[in-house]
Amino acid sequence: MTNRKGSRPHIFKHAASGRWLEHWIDGWHLTDNIISATRHLDEQATTTKILPMLNKLFRAPIEVVFLDTY
């Protein structure tokens, strides 16, 4: 995965439980370990594709956490 200009590394947090999202071959899972959370670099894809899909899948708000601010 390449870093696009202006994009920052980020992960996802399940707002209701406070757990982190991890992507495996069989789908998305919640984890207590922030180190296991799947990292993303493309903010545009996150906003337009991934975040709406995750909100629908988990039926709860998903937060984007930028790693440079955490």
N, C-alpha and C. Protein backbone atom coordinates (compact mmCIF):
# COMPACT_ATOMS: atom_id res chain seq x y z
N MET A 1 0.84 -1.16 0.00
CA MET A 1 0.00 0.00 0.00
C MET A 1 0.89 1.23 0.00
N THR A 2 0.61 2.16 -0.87
CA THR A 2 1.43 3.36 -0.94
C THR A 2 0.71 4.52 -0.30
N ASN A 3 1.47 5.44 0.23
CA ASN A 3 0.91 6.61 0.89
C ASN A 3 0.69 7.71 -0.14
N ARG A 4 -0.56 8.13 -0.30
CA ARG A 4 -0.86 9.23 -1.20
C ARG A 4 -0.53 10.55 -0.51
N LYS A 5 -0.19 11.54 -1.31
CA LYS A 5 0.12 12.85 -0.76
C LYS A 5 -1.08 13.37 0.03
N GLY A 6 -0.84 13.76 1.27
CA GLY A 6 -1.89 14.29 2.11
C GLY A 6 -2.64 13.25 2.92
N SER A 7 -2.36 11.99 2.70
CA SER A 7 -3.02 10.94 3.48
C SER A 7 -2.15 10.56 4.67
N ARG A 8 -2.81 10.27 5.78
CA ARG A 8 -2.10 9.88 6.99
C ARG A 8 -2.50 8.47 7.38
N PRO A 9 -1.61 7.71 7.99
CA PRO A 9 -1.96 6.37 8.46
C PRO A 9 -3.06 6.45 9.50
N HIS A 10 -4.01 5.55 9.40
CA HIS A 10 -5.12 5.55 10.34
C HIS A 10 -5.66 4.14 10.54
N ILE A 11 -6.39 3.98 11.63
CA ILE A 11 -7.04 2.73 11.97
C ILE A 11 -8.48 3.04 12.34
N PHE A 12 -9.26 1.99 12.59
CA PHE A 12 -10.68 2.17 12.91
C PHE A 12 -10.98 1.69 14.31
N LYS A 13 -11.89 2.41 14.97
CA LYS A 13 -12.32 2.07 16.33
C LYS A 13 -13.84 1.95 16.37
N HIS A 14 -14.33 0.88 16.95
CA HIS A 14 -15.75 0.67 17.14
C HIS A 14 -16.18 1.53 18.33
N ALA A 15 -16.95 2.58 18.06
CA ALA A 15 -17.26 3.57 19.09
C ALA A 15 -18.00 2.99 20.28
N ALA A 16 -18.94 2.09 20.05
CA ALA A 16 -19.76 1.56 21.14
C ALA A 16 -18.97 0.70 22.12
N SER A 17 -18.03 -0.08 21.61
CA SER A 17 -17.27 -1.00 22.48
C SER A 17 -15.88 -0.50 22.83
N GLY A 18 -15.37 0.45 22.05
CA GLY A 18 -14.01 0.93 22.27
C GLY A 18 -12.94 0.00 21.73
N ARG A 19 -13.35 -1.03 20.97
CA ARG A 19 -12.40 -2.00 20.43
C ARG A 19 -11.94 -1.58 19.04
N TRP A 20 -10.83 -2.12 18.61
CA TRP A 20 -10.21 -1.78 17.33
C TRP A 20 -10.64 -2.78 16.26
N LEU A 21 -10.63 -2.34 14.99
CA LEU A 21 -11.02 -3.23 13.90
C LEU A 21 -9.80 -3.82 13.22
N GLU A 22 -9.90 -5.09 12.98
CA GLU A 22 -8.82 -5.84 12.34
C GLU A 22 -9.43 -6.59 11.15
N HIS A 23 -8.78 -6.50 9.99
CA HIS A 23 -9.29 -7.16 8.79
C HIS A 23 -8.54 -8.45 8.54
N TRP A 24 -9.30 -9.54 8.43
CA TRP A 24 -8.77 -10.86 8.12
C TRP A 24 -9.38 -11.31 6.81
N ILE A 25 -8.91 -12.42 6.29
CA ILE A 25 -9.40 -12.94 5.02
C ILE A 25 -10.90 -13.24 5.08
N ASP A 26 -11.40 -13.58 6.26
CA ASP A 26 -12.82 -13.91 6.39
C ASP A 26 -13.69 -12.72 6.82
N GLY A 27 -13.11 -11.54 6.93
CA GLY A 27 -13.89 -10.34 7.24
C GLY A 27 -13.27 -9.50 8.34
N TRP A 28 -14.06 -8.58 8.85
CA TRP A 28 -13.62 -7.65 9.89
C TRP A 28 -13.94 -8.22 11.27
N HIS A 29 -13.01 -8.01 12.20
CA HIS A 29 -13.17 -8.49 13.57
C HIS A 29 -12.79 -7.38 14.54
N LEU A 30 -13.34 -7.45 15.74
CA LEU A 30 -12.98 -6.50 16.79
C LEU A 30 -11.87 -7.10 17.63
N THR A 31 -10.93 -6.26 18.04
CA THR A 31 -9.80 -6.70 18.86
C THR A 31 -9.55 -5.68 19.96
N ASP A 32 -9.03 -6.15 21.08
CA ASP A 32 -8.68 -5.25 22.18
C ASP A 32 -7.29 -4.66 22.00
N ASN A 33 -6.51 -5.24 21.10
CA ASN A 33 -5.11 -4.85 20.92
C ASN A 33 -4.97 -3.85 19.77
N ILE A 34 -4.59 -2.63 20.09
CA ILE A 34 -4.43 -1.58 19.07
C ILE A 34 -3.36 -1.97 18.04
N ILE A 35 -2.37 -2.74 18.45
CA ILE A 35 -1.30 -3.16 17.56
C ILE A 35 -1.84 -4.06 16.44
N SER A 36 -2.89 -4.81 16.72
CA SER A 36 -3.49 -5.71 15.73
C SER A 36 -4.41 -5.01 14.74
N ALA A 37 -4.79 -3.78 15.04
CA ALA A 37 -5.72 -3.06 14.16
C ALA A 37 -5.11 -2.89 12.77
N THR A 38 -5.94 -3.07 11.77
CA THR A 38 -5.49 -2.94 10.38
C THR A 38 -5.29 -1.47 10.04
N ARG A 39 -4.12 -1.16 9.50
CA ARG A 39 -3.78 0.22 9.14
C ARG A 39 -4.16 0.52 7.70
N HIS A 40 -4.60 1.76 7.48
CA HIS A 40 -4.95 2.23 6.15
C HIS A 40 -4.23 3.54 5.89
N LEU A 41 -4.01 3.82 4.62
CA LEU A 41 -3.30 5.05 4.25
C LEU A 41 -4.12 5.98 3.36
N ASP A 42 -5.10 5.47 2.68
CA ASP A 42 -5.85 6.25 1.70
C ASP A 42 -7.09 6.86 2.34
N GLU A 43 -6.99 8.12 2.76
CA GLU A 43 -8.10 8.79 3.43
C GLU A 43 -9.33 8.92 2.54
N GLN A 44 -9.12 9.12 1.26
CA GLN A 44 -10.25 9.25 0.34
C GLN A 44 -11.04 7.95 0.25
N ALA A 45 -10.36 6.82 0.09
CA ALA A 45 -11.04 5.53 0.05
C ALA A 45 -11.73 5.24 1.37
N THR A 46 -11.11 5.61 2.47
CA THR A 46 -11.72 5.41 3.79
C THR A 46 -13.03 6.17 3.88
N THR A 47 -13.02 7.42 3.48
CA THR A 47 -14.21 8.27 3.58
C THR A 47 -15.33 7.83 2.64
N THR A 48 -14.99 7.48 1.42
CA THR A 48 -16.02 7.19 0.43
C THR A 48 -16.46 5.74 0.37
N LYS A 49 -15.59 4.80 0.74
CA LYS A 49 -15.91 3.39 0.58
C LYS A 49 -15.91 2.60 1.89
N ILE A 50 -14.80 2.62 2.59
CA ILE A 50 -14.62 1.72 3.74
C ILE A 50 -15.49 2.12 4.93
N LEU A 51 -15.47 3.38 5.32
CA LEU A 51 -16.21 3.82 6.50
C LEU A 51 -17.73 3.59 6.35
N PRO A 52 -18.35 3.95 5.25
CA PRO A 52 -19.79 3.65 5.11
C PRO A 52 -20.09 2.15 5.20
N MET A 53 -19.24 1.33 4.62
CA MET A 53 -19.42 -0.12 4.66
C MET A 53 -19.28 -0.65 6.09
N LEU A 54 -18.30 -0.17 6.83
CA LEU A 54 -18.10 -0.62 8.21
C LEU A 54 -19.24 -0.17 9.12
N ASN A 55 -19.72 1.06 8.95
CA ASN A 55 -20.85 1.54 9.75
C ASN A 55 -22.07 0.67 9.52
N LYS A 56 -22.31 0.28 8.29
CA LYS A 56 -23.45 -0.58 7.97
C LYS A 56 -23.22 -1.99 8.52
N LEU A 57 -22.04 -2.53 8.36
CA LEU A 57 -21.72 -3.88 8.80
C LEU A 57 -21.85 -4.03 10.32
N PHE A 58 -21.30 -3.08 11.05
CA PHE A 58 -21.30 -3.17 12.51
C PHE A 58 -22.52 -2.50 13.15
N ARG A 59 -23.32 -1.82 12.35
CA ARG A 59 -24.54 -1.15 12.83
C ARG A 59 -24.26 -0.24 14.01
N ALA A 60 -23.11 0.38 13.96
CA ALA A 60 -22.68 1.31 15.00
C ALA A 60 -21.64 2.24 14.40
N PRO A 61 -21.49 3.42 14.97
CA PRO A 61 -20.48 4.34 14.45
C PRO A 61 -19.06 3.77 14.57
N ILE A 62 -18.31 3.95 13.52
CA ILE A 62 -16.90 3.57 13.49
C ILE A 62 -16.09 4.87 13.41
N GLU A 63 -15.13 5.00 14.30
CA GLU A 63 -14.28 6.19 14.33
C GLU A 63 -12.99 5.95 13.56
N VAL A 64 -12.50 6.98 12.91
CA VAL A 64 -11.19 6.92 12.26
C VAL A 64 -10.20 7.56 13.23
N VAL A 65 -9.15 6.83 13.56
CA VAL A 65 -8.13 7.31 14.48
C VAL A 65 -6.82 7.43 13.71
N PHE A 66 -6.32 8.65 13.60
CA PHE A 66 -5.06 8.89 12.90
C PHE A 66 -3.90 8.57 13.84
N LEU A 67 -2.98 7.78 13.35
CA LEU A 67 -1.90 7.27 14.20
C LEU A 67 -0.93 8.35 14.63
N ASP A 68 -0.81 9.43 13.87
CA ASP A 68 0.11 10.49 14.27
C ASP A 68 -0.46 11.32 15.41
N THR A 69 -1.75 11.16 15.72
CA THR A 69 -2.34 11.92 16.83
C THR A 69 -2.66 11.05 18.01
N TYR A 70 -2.46 9.75 17.89
CA TYR A 70 -2.83 8.84 18.98
C TYR A 70 -1.66 8.61 19.90
